[in-house]
Amino acid sequence: MVKNDTISLEVNINLQEYQLEIEEREEKEERLPKQVFNWVFKHFKFMFVPGASLEELERKSFEYEKTRSQRKFIRRLKSVLTILGIVIIFVIVTMAVFPQWISPFTLEHLTGIHPSAFGQPNPVNILGRTAQGRDVFGRLIFGARTSLTIALPSIMISVLGGVFFGVIAAYFRGWVDTVIMRISDVFMAFPSLVLALVIIKIAGAQVEYILMVWGILGIPFYARLIRGNVLQARELPYVQAAKVAGAGNFRIMFKHILPNTIQPIIISFTFNIGGIILSLAALSFLGLGDASLVEWGNDIAFARGNLYTAPWASLWPGFMILFTVLGFMLVGDGLRDALDPRLKNL
């Protein structure tokens, strides 16, 4: 008897809970049209006025960006083309740093004179031989070291000199700006390749002179590039605050202004490395490079008269130039997308 009463009591409780759930569901369904109407009325401006914003969404977006902004630069570099460029540069740098481990022949062998001029590809010389019987594959590997050894110091001279003169010209203005910019205009008025040909012809085709020439000729470009950004930054409040605090001119220029205007320089740095490698190859192709160097442009120049009989001797050095320049261009394009504030919402 007691057991039956317990069962009937549980059934009544379950029925009551079920009825309460049904009533709550009906109440929600009745309130739903009213809630929708109230939401539409409250956010009428957001829904129908172009450009209107919603405070709640703005707040959530702000909170989200605070937690994600620190990784934004890395996220922007994760595009397929940028990663491809990084891989290409990694391969080239590895060839330049460890050529004696990768090349099947030593540097002495690759700079000597051997029989079998323009030998065809074979198991020993997998990419064939050059006009002097040198292994094409080995010279491709050692040529990476030559290209980077000249390109990187040259671009560093250009960047350091251009940043120094550009920041000074933009900060002090007046006659200082006029003198520096007019000298830059004179250098930029001449084609850089023609001017380099003249200087190298006079000074000599040694690698030191080639490196210095390309470094000096790049200074006006970087000076003009940084000057425009510094002209805008020098009027900002933080610069005025630094002056009021008693900071010296050089401290303001290179500690406060330069870090906030350096992004275009970083982007152009990677782009112009490829340009210097191309210019170096052009000098060598025209016969004004250092013939003693293992360099891709020299190999193309030596084999340009045998394009039909021995295409491998000039094809592979040309491909390496294309491969290297493409890698730096892709990385430069990725850095531009990551650092340019105008592209942050794309």
Protein backbone atom coordinates (compact mmCIF):
# COMPACT_ATOMS: atom_id res chain seq x y z
CA MET A 1 0.00 0.00 0.00
CA VAL A 2 2.83 2.37 0.92
CA LYS A 3 4.64 1.48 -2.27
CA ASN A 4 1.62 2.37 -4.43
CA ASP A 5 1.28 5.75 -2.67
CA THR A 6 4.95 6.49 -3.35
CA ILE A 7 4.59 5.68 -7.05
CA SER A 8 1.48 7.85 -7.41
CA LEU A 9 3.27 10.73 -5.68
CA GLU A 10 6.24 10.51 -8.09
CA VAL A 11 3.89 10.45 -11.06
CA ASN A 12 2.12 13.59 -9.81
CA ILE A 13 5.45 15.36 -9.36
CA ASN A 14 6.55 14.44 -12.86
CA LEU A 15 3.23 15.64 -14.28
CA GLN A 16 3.55 18.94 -12.48
CA GLU A 17 7.10 19.44 -13.76
CA TYR A 18 5.98 18.60 -17.28
CA GLN A 19 3.09 21.08 -17.05
CA LEU A 20 5.49 23.77 -15.79
CA GLU A 21 7.81 23.16 -18.73
CA ILE A 22 4.90 23.43 -21.16
CA GLU A 23 3.76 26.69 -19.56
CA GLU A 24 7.28 28.15 -19.68
CA ARG A 25 7.62 27.17 -23.34
CA GLU A 26 4.27 28.77 -24.17
CA GLU A 27 5.27 31.95 -22.36
CA LYS A 28 8.56 32.11 -24.29
CA GLU A 29 6.70 31.62 -27.57
CA GLU A 30 4.29 34.38 -26.64
CA ARG A 31 7.14 36.73 -25.69
CA LEU A 32 9.22 35.95 -28.78
CA PRO A 33 7.41 38.32 -31.22
CA LYS A 34 7.56 41.07 -28.63
CA GLN A 35 11.30 40.50 -28.05
CA VAL A 36 12.00 40.54 -31.79
CA PHE A 37 10.02 43.76 -32.19
CA ASN A 38 11.85 45.39 -29.28
CA TRP A 39 15.27 44.34 -30.66
CA VAL A 40 14.45 45.70 -34.13
CA PHE A 41 13.16 48.94 -32.65
CA LYS A 42 16.24 49.31 -30.45
CA HIS A 43 18.71 48.59 -33.27
CA PHE A 44 16.76 50.23 -36.08
CA LYS A 45 19.67 52.57 -36.84
CA PHE A 46 22.17 49.71 -36.96
CA MET A 47 20.02 47.70 -39.39
CA PHE A 48 18.95 50.39 -41.84
CA VAL A 49 21.45 53.27 -41.65
CA PRO A 50 24.69 52.63 -43.67
CA GLY A 51 27.82 52.93 -41.57
CA ALA A 52 26.01 52.78 -38.25
CA SER A 53 27.65 50.70 -35.51
CA LEU A 54 26.42 48.68 -32.59
CA GLU A 55 27.99 49.43 -29.23
CA GLU A 56 27.85 45.84 -28.05
CA LEU A 57 29.52 44.54 -31.19
CA GLU A 58 32.17 47.25 -31.00
CA ARG A 59 32.91 46.34 -27.41
CA LYS A 60 33.22 42.63 -28.23
CA SER A 61 35.40 43.41 -31.25
CA PHE A 62 37.65 45.60 -29.12
CA GLU A 63 38.04 42.87 -26.50
CA TYR A 64 38.77 40.31 -29.19
CA GLU A 65 41.42 42.48 -30.86
CA LYS A 66 43.14 43.09 -27.52
CA THR A 67 43.79 39.38 -27.17
CA ARG A 68 44.66 38.76 -30.81
CA SER A 69 46.59 41.89 -31.78
CA GLN A 70 49.88 40.57 -30.43
CA ARG A 71 49.84 37.74 -32.96
CA LYS A 72 48.47 39.76 -35.85
CA PHE A 73 51.88 40.28 -37.48
CA ILE A 74 52.57 36.53 -37.50
CA ARG A 75 49.08 35.77 -38.80
CA ARG A 76 49.61 38.13 -41.71
CA LEU A 77 52.81 36.33 -42.67
CA LYS A 78 51.03 32.99 -42.95
CA SER A 79 49.97 33.43 -46.56
CA VAL A 80 51.03 30.71 -48.98
CA LEU A 81 53.20 33.00 -51.13
CA THR A 82 55.01 34.50 -48.13
CA ILE A 83 55.78 31.05 -46.73
CA LEU A 84 57.03 30.02 -50.19
CA GLY A 85 59.33 33.06 -50.23
CA ILE A 86 60.66 32.21 -46.76
CA VAL A 87 61.38 28.64 -47.88
CA ILE A 88 63.22 29.91 -50.98
CA ILE A 89 65.35 32.30 -48.91
CA PHE A 90 66.09 29.52 -46.43
CA VAL A 91 67.34 27.29 -49.27
CA ILE A 92 69.50 30.06 -50.74
CA VAL A 93 70.96 31.01 -47.36
CA THR A 94 71.71 27.35 -46.62
CA MET A 95 73.56 27.08 -49.94
CA ALA A 96 75.50 30.26 -49.15
CA VAL A 97 76.50 29.20 -45.63
CA PHE A 98 77.33 25.53 -46.29
CA PRO A 99 78.44 25.34 -49.95
CA GLN A 100 81.40 23.04 -49.23
CA TRP A 101 79.00 20.49 -47.70
CA ILE A 102 76.48 20.59 -50.55
CA SER A 103 78.71 21.01 -53.60
CA PRO A 104 80.26 17.82 -55.01
CA PHE A 105 83.43 19.80 -55.92
CA THR A 106 85.72 22.17 -54.04
CA LEU A 107 86.01 25.89 -54.76
CA GLU A 108 89.49 25.39 -56.26
CA HIS A 109 88.10 22.87 -58.72
CA LEU A 110 85.21 25.17 -59.65
CA THR A 111 87.57 28.07 -60.45
CA GLY A 112 90.14 26.04 -62.41
CA ILE A 113 90.39 25.19 -66.12
CA HIS A 114 89.40 21.64 -67.11
CA PRO A 115 88.81 19.69 -70.33
CA SER A 116 85.36 18.76 -71.62
CA ALA A 117 84.19 22.34 -72.22
CA PHE A 118 80.39 22.52 -72.14
CA GLY A 119 80.15 18.88 -71.24
CA GLN A 120 76.62 17.53 -71.23
CA PRO A 121 74.84 16.47 -68.02
CA ASN A 122 76.03 13.13 -66.73
CA PRO A 123 76.05 11.21 -63.40
CA VAL A 124 79.17 13.12 -62.24
CA ASN A 125 78.11 16.56 -63.51
CA ILE A 126 74.36 16.35 -63.07
CA LEU A 127 73.76 19.81 -64.64
CA GLY A 128 76.62 19.71 -67.15
CA ARG A 129 79.85 21.71 -67.46
CA THR A 130 80.67 25.34 -68.29
CA ALA A 131 82.98 26.70 -71.02
CA GLN A 132 86.03 26.03 -68.82
CA GLY A 133 84.86 22.51 -67.93
CA ARG A 134 83.61 23.52 -64.46
CA ASP A 135 80.68 21.82 -62.82
CA VAL A 136 77.50 23.88 -63.25
CA PHE A 137 75.81 22.51 -60.12
CA GLY A 138 78.78 23.33 -57.89
CA ARG A 139 79.03 26.87 -59.25
CA LEU A 140 75.35 27.42 -58.63
CA ILE A 141 75.84 26.56 -54.97
CA PHE A 142 78.94 28.72 -54.46
CA GLY A 143 77.32 31.50 -56.51
CA ALA A 144 74.68 31.90 -53.77
CA ARG A 145 77.41 32.90 -51.32
CA THR A 146 78.79 35.51 -53.74
CA SER A 147 75.39 37.05 -54.44
CA LEU A 148 74.44 37.36 -50.77
CA THR A 149 77.94 38.50 -49.76
CA ILE A 150 77.64 41.46 -52.11
CA ALA A 151 73.91 42.16 -51.83
CA LEU A 152 73.56 42.21 -48.03
CA PRO A 153 76.50 44.56 -47.22
CA SER A 154 75.49 46.84 -50.11
CA ILE A 155 71.91 47.11 -48.92
CA MET A 156 73.07 47.72 -45.35
CA ILE A 157 75.25 50.63 -46.51
CA SER A 158 72.28 52.05 -48.42
CA VAL A 159 69.86 51.65 -45.52
CA LEU A 160 72.15 53.07 -42.83
CA GLY A 161 73.28 55.99 -44.94
CA GLY A 162 69.81 56.74 -46.29
CA VAL A 163 68.14 56.57 -42.88
CA PHE A 164 70.79 58.81 -41.30
CA PHE A 165 70.62 61.55 -43.95
CA GLY A 166 66.85 61.25 -44.46
CA VAL A 167 66.03 61.63 -40.76
CA ILE A 168 68.38 64.60 -40.38
CA ALA A 169 66.97 66.31 -43.48
CA ALA A 170 63.35 65.90 -42.39
CA TYR A 171 63.92 66.83 -38.75
CA PHE A 172 66.01 69.99 -39.18
CA ARG A 173 64.39 71.13 -42.45
CA GLY A 174 65.66 74.42 -43.90
CA TRP A 175 68.99 74.53 -45.70
CA VAL A 176 69.99 71.10 -44.34
CA ASP A 177 66.99 69.50 -46.01
CA THR A 178 67.61 71.45 -49.23
CA VAL A 179 71.26 70.44 -49.54
CA ILE A 180 70.69 66.74 -48.79
CA MET A 181 67.68 66.42 -51.08
CA ARG A 182 69.31 68.26 -54.01
CA ILE A 183 72.34 65.97 -53.81
CA SER A 184 69.95 63.01 -53.75
CA ASP A 185 68.16 64.40 -56.80
CA VAL A 186 71.44 64.61 -58.70
CA PHE A 187 72.25 60.97 -58.00
CA MET A 188 68.73 59.79 -58.76
CA ALA A 189 68.66 61.73 -62.05
CA PHE A 190 71.15 59.27 -63.57
CA PRO A 191 70.27 55.63 -64.25
CA SER A 192 71.94 53.69 -61.44
CA LEU A 193 73.24 50.94 -63.73
CA VAL A 194 74.90 53.43 -66.10
CA LEU A 195 76.44 55.35 -63.20
CA ALA A 196 77.68 52.09 -61.68
CA LEU A 197 79.25 51.09 -65.00
CA VAL A 198 81.17 54.37 -65.17
CA ILE A 199 82.40 54.22 -61.57
CA ILE A 200 83.41 50.57 -61.76
CA LYS A 201 85.17 51.12 -65.07
CA ILE A 202 87.22 53.89 -63.46
CA ALA A 203 87.81 52.29 -60.03
CA GLY A 204 88.09 48.67 -61.10
CA ALA A 205 85.95 45.55 -61.10
CA GLN A 206 87.04 44.25 -57.68
CA VAL A 207 84.29 43.02 -55.43
CA GLU A 208 85.00 45.73 -52.83
CA TYR A 209 84.35 48.50 -55.34
CA ILE A 210 81.20 46.82 -56.65
CA LEU A 211 79.88 46.49 -53.12
CA MET A 212 80.60 50.14 -52.27
CA VAL A 213 79.14 51.45 -55.52
CA TRP A 214 75.78 49.74 -55.08
CA GLY A 215 75.69 50.73 -51.43
CA ILE A 216 76.32 54.42 -52.11
CA LEU A 217 73.94 54.60 -55.09
CA GLY A 218 71.09 53.27 -52.90
CA ILE A 219 71.44 55.97 -50.22
CA PRO A 220 69.32 58.66 -52.00
CA PHE A 221 66.38 56.27 -52.40
CA TYR A 222 66.24 55.39 -48.71
CA ALA A 223 66.83 59.00 -47.70
CA ARG A 224 63.77 60.11 -49.65
CA LEU A 225 61.74 57.15 -48.43
CA ILE A 226 62.31 57.83 -44.73
CA ARG A 227 62.10 61.62 -45.12
CA GLY A 228 58.39 61.65 -45.94
CA ASN A 229 57.47 59.62 -42.87
CA VAL A 230 59.67 61.68 -40.55
CA LEU A 231 58.07 64.91 -41.81
CA GLN A 232 54.72 63.61 -40.59
CA ALA A 233 56.00 62.13 -37.33
CA ARG A 234 57.95 65.21 -36.19
CA GLU A 235 54.68 67.11 -35.62
CA LEU A 236 53.01 64.43 -33.50
CA PRO A 237 52.35 64.99 -29.78
CA TYR A 238 54.86 62.45 -28.48
CA VAL A 239 57.69 64.33 -30.24
CA GLN A 240 56.57 67.60 -28.68
CA ALA A 241 56.38 65.87 -25.30
CA ALA A 242 59.96 64.59 -25.71
CA LYS A 243 61.14 68.12 -26.48
CA VAL A 244 59.37 69.48 -23.40
CA ALA A 245 60.98 66.72 -21.31
CA GLY A 246 64.40 67.97 -22.42
CA ALA A 247 65.41 65.20 -24.84
CA GLY A 248 68.14 66.10 -27.30
CA ASN A 249 67.64 66.25 -31.06
CA PHE A 250 69.47 63.02 -31.85
CA ARG A 251 67.64 61.18 -29.09
CA ILE A 252 64.31 62.37 -30.46
CA MET A 253 65.27 61.50 -34.04
CA PHE A 254 66.68 58.03 -33.53
CA LYS A 255 64.93 56.84 -30.37
CA HIS A 256 61.44 58.31 -30.70
CA ILE A 257 60.79 59.10 -34.38
CA LEU A 258 62.79 56.42 -36.25
CA PRO A 259 61.20 53.32 -34.60
CA ASN A 260 57.77 54.62 -35.60
CA THR A 261 58.72 55.31 -39.22
CA ILE A 262 60.95 52.34 -40.04
CA GLN A 263 58.27 50.07 -41.58
CA PRO A 264 58.75 51.21 -45.23
CA ILE A 265 62.50 50.71 -44.87
CA ILE A 266 62.05 47.10 -43.74
CA ILE A 267 59.77 46.40 -46.69
CA SER A 268 62.07 48.03 -49.25
CA PHE A 269 65.07 46.24 -47.72
CA THR A 270 63.79 42.83 -48.79
CA PHE A 271 62.62 44.07 -52.19
CA ASN A 272 65.95 45.72 -53.02
CA ILE A 273 68.08 42.70 -52.12
CA GLY A 274 66.63 41.02 -55.19
CA GLY A 275 67.25 44.18 -57.21
CA ILE A 276 70.94 44.27 -56.24
CA ILE A 277 71.36 40.61 -57.16
CA LEU A 278 69.87 41.40 -60.58
CA SER A 279 72.15 44.44 -60.96
CA LEU A 280 75.19 42.37 -60.03
CA ALA A 281 74.24 39.80 -62.65
CA ALA A 282 73.79 42.61 -65.20
CA LEU A 283 77.28 43.96 -64.48
CA SER A 284 78.79 40.51 -64.87
CA PHE A 285 76.80 39.90 -68.05
CA LEU A 286 78.19 43.14 -69.52
CA GLY A 287 81.73 42.04 -68.66
CA LEU A 288 82.31 44.48 -65.79
CA GLY A 289 82.04 42.00 -62.94
CA ASP A 290 84.90 40.36 -61.12
CA ALA A 291 85.73 37.42 -63.37
CA SER A 292 87.51 35.61 -60.53
CA LEU A 293 84.26 35.26 -58.56
CA VAL A 294 81.98 32.24 -58.76
CA GLU A 295 78.93 34.25 -59.71
CA TRP A 296 75.76 33.48 -61.67
CA GLY A 297 76.07 36.53 -63.93
CA ASN A 298 79.59 35.51 -64.93
CA ASP A 299 78.37 32.04 -65.89
CA ILE A 300 75.63 33.52 -68.06
CA ALA A 301 78.15 35.87 -69.71
CA PHE A 302 80.57 33.00 -70.44
CA ALA A 303 77.84 30.82 -71.98
CA ARG A 304 75.75 33.41 -73.84
CA GLY A 305 77.38 32.53 -77.17
CA ASN A 306 76.37 28.86 -76.83
CA LEU A 307 72.67 29.10 -76.05
CA TYR A 308 71.81 26.46 -78.65
CA THR A 309 74.74 24.06 -78.26
CA ALA A 310 74.96 24.21 -74.43
CA PRO A 311 71.78 25.77 -73.02
CA TRP A 312 72.33 24.25 -69.56
CA ALA A 313 75.38 26.45 -68.94
CA SER A 314 73.30 29.65 -68.99
CA LEU A 315 69.83 28.30 -68.21
CA TRP A 316 70.56 27.13 -64.65
CA PRO A 317 72.38 30.30 -63.50
CA GLY A 318 69.49 32.34 -64.90
CA PHE A 319 67.03 30.13 -63.07
CA MET A 320 68.92 30.63 -59.79
CA ILE A 321 68.78 34.41 -60.23
CA LEU A 322 65.04 34.18 -60.87
CA PHE A 323 64.58 31.80 -57.94
CA THR A 324 66.47 34.04 -55.50
CA VAL A 325 64.90 37.32 -56.59
CA LEU A 326 61.44 35.76 -56.48
CA GLY A 327 62.01 34.59 -52.89
CA PHE A 328 62.98 38.05 -51.65
CA MET A 329 60.13 39.67 -53.57
CA LEU A 330 57.56 37.32 -52.03
CA VAL A 331 58.86 37.96 -48.52
CA GLY A 332 58.89 41.70 -49.17
CA ASP A 333 55.31 41.55 -50.37
CA GLY A 334 54.33 39.61 -47.24
CA LEU A 335 56.07 42.14 -44.99
CA ARG A 336 54.26 44.96 -46.76
CA ASP A 337 50.91 43.31 -46.08
CA ALA A 338 51.85 42.71 -42.44
CA LEU A 339 53.35 46.13 -41.66
CA ASP A 340 51.39 48.56 -43.82
CA PRO A 341 48.59 50.02 -41.64
CA ARG A 342 46.53 50.80 -44.74
CA LEU A 343 46.21 47.07 -45.41
CA LYS A 344 45.39 45.94 -41.86
CA ASN A 345 41.69 45.41 -42.58
CA LEU A 346 42.13 43.57 -45.88
